[in-house]
Amino acid sequence: MRHTLPLAPQFYVTAPQPCPYLEGRMERKLFTALQGDNADKLNDSLSQQGFRRSQNVLYRPSCAECTACLSARIDVSAFSPSKSQRRTNNRNTDLEQRATSPWATEGQYELFRIYLDSRHADGGMADMDVFEFAAMIEETPIRSRVIEYTEKDSRKLVGVSLTDVLSDGLSMVYSFYAPDAPQRSLGTYMILDHVRIARESNLPYVYLGYWVQGSQKMGYKSNFSGLEVYLGGSWQKMRDPEDFKPNTHPLSTDPIAEQVANISLPDTRPTR
């Protein structure tokens, strides 16, 4: 029997589990598979609606009683570095950037392990082995790049970003860096460099993943000017983070059926 992929994406919901960002809350995700000939179109469309990619899956928070996780992106045209961010750029002029195809290396995995053990030892990736790491980097059905940052003199690898190239921007899928150089502020620097790359490529946005108010791990994203968050079906400019306090009312999240019905899917009909 011949099996074919469904014509339209099928959406599913994960079982509730403890939130990795806010203590005492439960998380739930709405997700769909990213596959087939129209994977690029689907990724573009759903990224513009607050979804994120993880290997061959696109997902978006759909927590029953919390709206703290908001997809965030930088409007490149509205971005202007702060004094602190300009200093960060100046502190990293000795770094060399190189973009390659999504292929995992031993050096990347070594840096990844050091980063996790220092910053996220109790996180969901803490037990990821080299094969799972390779899958995270290499299993992508769309146009992706690995952007490496190395010290020019020593050739030491200090930062890596797995980045998707969308029709309207760059999506920083996952980044990690050397934790023994806090003076460099490498996490901030890699975002600043992606803004530069996007501007040079005439791409309007840099997608940063989720901003979570109240989370030390994710709250730093509000430090970037030109930030927008996806809320209530549209992107909204962030002027004051206090304007986006999470709603924890039991009715704060639409039922799954309504969420799915309101998702706009790309036109994948063949052109004549």
Protein backbone atom coordinates (compact mmCIF):
# COMPACT_ATOMS: atom_id res chain seq x y z
CA MET A 1 0.00 0.00 0.00
CA ARG A 2 1.30 3.44 -0.91
CA HIS A 3 1.22 6.07 1.81
CA THR A 4 1.06 9.80 1.11
CA LEU A 5 1.38 12.84 3.35
CA PRO A 6 -1.85 14.66 4.32
CA LEU A 7 -2.69 17.64 2.10
CA ALA A 8 -2.99 19.99 5.09
CA PRO A 9 -0.83 20.03 8.26
CA GLN A 10 -2.24 18.11 11.21
CA PHE A 11 -2.00 19.88 14.58
CA TYR A 12 -1.57 18.17 17.95
CA VAL A 13 -1.19 19.17 21.59
CA THR A 14 1.38 17.92 24.07
CA ALA A 15 0.42 16.67 27.52
CA PRO A 16 0.87 19.28 30.29
CA GLN A 17 4.24 19.22 32.03
CA PRO A 18 6.10 21.50 34.46
CA CYS A 19 7.09 24.82 32.90
CA PRO A 20 10.89 25.16 32.50
CA TYR A 21 10.72 28.95 32.91
CA LEU A 22 8.19 29.77 35.64
CA GLU A 23 7.99 27.73 38.80
CA GLY A 24 4.63 26.28 39.71
CA ARG A 25 3.13 26.57 36.23
CA MET A 26 2.41 23.95 33.60
CA GLU A 27 3.28 24.17 29.92
CA ARG A 28 1.51 22.75 26.89
CA LYS A 29 2.44 23.11 23.21
CA LEU A 30 0.50 23.11 19.95
CA PHE A 31 2.61 21.49 17.24
CA THR A 32 2.70 20.10 13.72
CA ALA A 33 5.18 18.21 11.56
CA LEU A 34 7.43 20.13 9.19
CA GLN A 35 7.83 17.94 6.13
CA GLY A 36 7.15 17.59 2.44
CA ASP A 37 7.83 19.75 -0.60
CA ASN A 38 6.24 22.84 0.96
CA ALA A 39 8.21 22.80 4.23
CA ASP A 40 9.76 26.21 3.53
CA LYS A 41 6.39 27.85 2.90
CA LEU A 42 4.89 26.29 6.02
CA ASN A 43 7.85 27.33 8.17
CA ASP A 44 7.68 30.89 6.86
CA SER A 45 3.94 31.15 7.43
CA LEU A 46 3.85 29.66 10.91
CA SER A 47 6.96 31.53 12.07
CA GLN A 48 5.06 34.72 11.25
CA GLN A 49 2.31 33.41 13.56
CA GLY A 50 4.46 32.78 16.60
CA PHE A 51 5.63 29.21 15.92
CA ARG A 52 9.20 27.97 16.40
CA ARG A 53 11.11 25.15 14.74
CA SER A 54 12.75 22.20 16.50
CA GLN A 55 14.17 19.77 13.94
CA ASN A 56 11.14 18.57 11.94
CA VAL A 57 8.50 20.06 14.23
CA LEU A 58 6.89 23.51 14.48
CA TYR A 59 5.42 24.42 17.88
CA ARG A 60 3.80 27.27 19.76
CA PRO A 61 2.93 27.58 23.48
CA SER A 62 -0.69 26.80 24.25
CA CYS A 63 -0.74 26.72 28.03
CA ALA A 64 -4.19 26.35 29.54
CA GLU A 65 -3.85 29.03 32.22
CA CYS A 66 -0.89 31.21 31.30
CA THR A 67 0.15 33.53 28.45
CA ALA A 68 3.68 34.36 29.65
CA CYS A 69 5.56 32.91 26.64
CA LEU A 70 5.37 35.30 23.69
CA SER A 71 7.22 34.85 20.42
CA ALA A 72 9.64 37.74 19.94
CA ARG A 73 11.40 39.29 16.98
CA ILE A 74 13.45 42.41 16.30
CA ASP A 75 12.26 44.84 13.65
CA VAL A 76 15.64 45.56 12.05
CA SER A 77 14.56 48.95 10.72
CA ALA A 78 13.56 50.06 14.23
CA PHE A 79 16.61 48.70 16.02
CA SER A 80 19.26 51.01 17.45
CA PRO A 81 21.94 49.62 19.78
CA SER A 82 22.11 50.92 23.32
CA LYS A 83 25.37 52.22 24.79
CA SER A 84 25.87 48.88 26.51
CA GLN A 85 25.28 46.99 23.26
CA ARG A 86 27.75 49.23 21.40
CA ARG A 87 30.34 48.39 24.06
CA THR A 88 29.56 44.70 23.55
CA ASN A 89 30.22 45.08 19.83
CA ASN A 90 33.51 46.83 20.54
CA ARG A 91 34.62 44.11 22.96
CA ASN A 92 34.22 41.45 20.28
CA THR A 93 36.01 42.97 17.30
CA ASP A 94 38.60 40.18 17.61
CA LEU A 95 36.01 37.53 16.73
CA GLU A 96 35.61 36.03 13.29
CA GLN A 97 32.20 34.88 12.03
CA ARG A 98 31.71 31.98 9.63
CA ALA A 99 28.43 30.63 8.22
CA THR A 100 28.35 26.98 7.15
CA SER A 101 25.83 24.34 6.16
CA PRO A 102 24.08 22.61 9.10
CA TRP A 103 26.68 19.99 9.93
CA ALA A 104 27.58 19.10 13.53
CA THR A 105 31.23 18.93 14.64
CA GLU A 106 33.04 17.65 17.72
CA GLY A 107 34.10 21.19 18.56
CA GLN A 108 30.50 22.41 18.51
CA TYR A 109 29.36 19.57 20.75
CA GLU A 110 32.21 20.18 23.22
CA LEU A 111 31.23 23.85 23.50
CA PHE A 112 27.55 22.86 23.74
CA ARG A 113 28.28 20.54 26.70
CA ILE A 114 30.30 23.21 28.51
CA TYR A 115 27.51 25.73 27.97
CA LEU A 116 24.77 23.39 29.21
CA ASP A 117 26.72 22.27 32.28
CA SER A 118 27.31 25.89 33.22
CA ARG A 119 23.98 27.51 32.35
CA HIS A 120 21.28 24.84 32.02
CA ALA A 121 22.41 21.79 33.99
CA ASP A 122 18.82 21.10 35.10
CA GLY A 123 17.19 21.85 31.73
CA GLY A 124 15.53 19.54 29.25
CA MET A 125 18.69 19.28 27.11
CA ALA A 126 21.04 18.38 29.97
CA ASP A 127 21.27 14.72 28.98
CA MET A 128 21.59 15.28 25.21
CA ASP A 129 24.32 13.05 23.76
CA VAL A 130 26.40 13.65 20.64
CA PHE A 131 23.93 11.83 18.37
CA GLU A 132 20.97 13.87 19.63
CA PHE A 133 23.05 17.02 19.22
CA ALA A 134 23.85 16.08 15.62
CA ALA A 135 20.14 15.51 14.97
CA MET A 136 19.30 18.96 16.40
CA ILE A 137 21.80 20.59 14.02
CA GLU A 138 21.40 18.48 10.90
CA GLU A 139 17.74 17.42 10.78
CA THR A 140 16.26 20.40 8.98
CA PRO A 141 14.01 20.29 5.91
CA ILE A 142 14.51 24.00 5.24
CA ARG A 143 17.31 26.46 4.54
CA SER A 144 19.43 26.53 7.70
CA ARG A 145 22.93 27.67 8.58
CA VAL A 146 25.36 27.16 11.45
CA ILE A 147 27.07 30.43 12.31
CA GLU A 148 30.29 29.99 14.26
CA TYR A 149 32.25 32.65 16.15
CA THR A 150 35.96 32.09 16.76
CA GLU A 151 38.83 34.10 18.20
CA LYS A 152 41.00 35.23 15.29
CA ASP A 153 44.34 34.60 17.01
CA SER A 154 43.72 31.39 18.93
CA ARG A 155 41.07 29.94 16.57
CA LYS A 156 39.11 29.02 19.69
CA LEU A 157 35.39 28.43 19.06
CA VAL A 158 33.42 30.63 21.47
CA GLY A 159 29.90 30.80 20.02
CA VAL A 160 27.52 28.92 17.74
CA SER A 161 24.05 29.73 16.42
CA LEU A 162 21.78 27.38 14.48
CA THR A 163 19.92 29.84 12.26
CA ASP A 164 17.07 29.40 9.79
CA VAL A 165 16.80 31.70 6.77
CA LEU A 166 13.16 32.73 6.34
CA SER A 167 11.57 34.78 3.59
CA ASP A 168 11.29 37.73 5.98
CA GLY A 169 14.21 37.28 8.31
CA LEU A 170 16.62 35.16 10.30
CA SER A 171 15.36 32.81 13.01
CA MET A 172 17.86 31.99 15.77
CA VAL A 173 16.76 28.44 16.48
CA TYR A 174 19.34 27.71 19.19
CA SER A 175 22.52 29.45 20.35
CA PHE A 176 25.27 28.53 22.80
CA TYR A 177 28.58 30.07 23.74
CA ALA A 178 31.62 29.89 26.03
CA PRO A 179 30.45 30.66 29.59
CA ASP A 180 33.98 31.47 30.80
CA ALA A 181 34.06 34.86 29.06
CA PRO A 182 31.22 36.85 30.67
CA GLN A 183 32.93 40.13 29.77
CA ARG A 184 32.17 39.43 26.12
CA SER A 185 28.37 39.13 26.60
CA LEU A 186 28.39 36.61 23.77
CA GLY A 187 24.65 35.93 23.84
CA THR A 188 23.97 39.61 23.24
CA TYR A 189 26.75 39.88 20.69
CA MET A 190 25.41 37.05 18.53
CA ILE A 191 21.99 38.71 18.41
CA LEU A 192 23.59 42.02 17.45
CA ASP A 193 25.53 40.26 14.70
CA HIS A 194 22.35 38.62 13.38
CA VAL A 195 20.73 42.05 13.21
CA ARG A 196 23.70 43.20 11.14
CA ILE A 197 23.47 40.17 8.84
CA ALA A 198 19.73 40.67 8.37
CA ARG A 199 20.21 44.35 7.56
CA GLU A 200 22.91 43.57 4.99
CA SER A 201 20.64 40.91 3.45
CA ASN A 202 17.60 43.21 3.33
CA LEU A 203 15.68 40.94 5.69
CA PRO A 204 13.30 42.86 7.97
CA TYR A 205 13.31 40.68 11.10
CA VAL A 206 15.43 38.62 13.47
CA TYR A 207 13.33 36.03 15.30
CA LEU A 208 14.57 35.37 18.85
CA GLY A 209 12.31 32.62 20.16
CA TYR A 210 10.20 33.29 23.23
CA TRP A 211 10.28 36.21 25.60
CA VAL A 212 9.01 35.20 29.03
CA GLN A 213 8.30 37.97 31.50
CA GLY A 214 9.40 36.92 34.97
CA SER A 215 12.02 34.48 33.69
CA GLN A 216 15.68 35.40 34.16
CA LYS A 217 16.61 32.99 31.37
CA MET A 218 14.36 34.62 28.76
CA GLY A 219 13.63 38.14 29.98
CA TYR A 220 16.83 39.66 28.55
CA LYS A 221 15.26 39.92 25.08
CA SER A 222 13.32 43.01 26.13
CA ASN A 223 16.68 44.87 26.24
CA PHE A 224 16.69 45.10 22.43
CA SER A 225 15.02 48.08 20.80
CA GLY A 226 12.62 47.40 17.95
CA LEU A 227 11.30 44.30 19.74
CA GLU A 228 7.88 42.95 18.78
CA VAL A 229 5.90 40.15 20.45
CA TYR A 230 3.15 37.99 19.02
CA LEU A 231 -0.03 38.31 21.06
CA GLY A 232 -3.70 37.94 20.22
CA GLY A 233 -3.03 36.99 16.61
CA SER A 234 -0.76 39.91 15.69
CA TRP A 235 2.72 41.35 16.27
CA GLN A 236 2.78 44.21 18.74
CA LYS A 237 5.60 46.65 19.40
CA MET A 238 7.08 46.38 22.88
CA ARG A 239 7.49 49.77 24.48
CA ASP A 240 7.15 48.74 28.14
CA PRO A 241 7.48 45.07 29.22
CA GLU A 242 4.96 45.77 31.97
CA ASP A 243 2.30 46.10 29.28
CA PHE A 244 2.60 42.38 28.59
CA LYS A 245 2.10 40.84 32.01
CA PRO A 246 0.96 37.20 31.65
CA ASN A 247 -2.71 36.40 32.08
CA THR A 248 -3.25 33.42 34.39
CA HIS A 249 -7.03 33.33 34.22
CA PRO A 250 -8.46 29.87 33.31
CA LEU A 251 -10.06 31.41 30.20
CA SER A 252 -6.95 33.31 29.10
CA THR A 253 -6.17 30.82 26.31
CA ASP A 254 -8.57 30.02 23.46
CA PRO A 255 -9.69 26.40 23.07
CA ILE A 256 -7.39 24.35 20.84
CA ALA A 257 -10.02 24.02 18.10
CA GLU A 258 -10.32 27.81 17.88
CA GLN A 259 -6.54 28.24 17.84
CA VAL A 260 -6.17 25.81 14.95
CA ALA A 261 -9.08 27.36 13.04
CA ASN A 262 -7.39 30.76 13.25
CA ILE A 263 -4.04 29.59 11.84
CA SER A 264 -3.40 30.82 8.31
CA LEU A 265 -1.81 28.20 6.09
CA PRO A 266 0.21 28.95 2.94
CA ASP A 267 -1.19 28.27 -0.50
CA THR A 268 0.57 25.11 -1.64
CA ARG A 269 -1.39 24.57 -4.86
CA PRO A 270 0.89 23.99 -7.85
CA THR A 271 1.16 26.90 -10.24
CA ARG A 272 0.22 26.36 -13.86
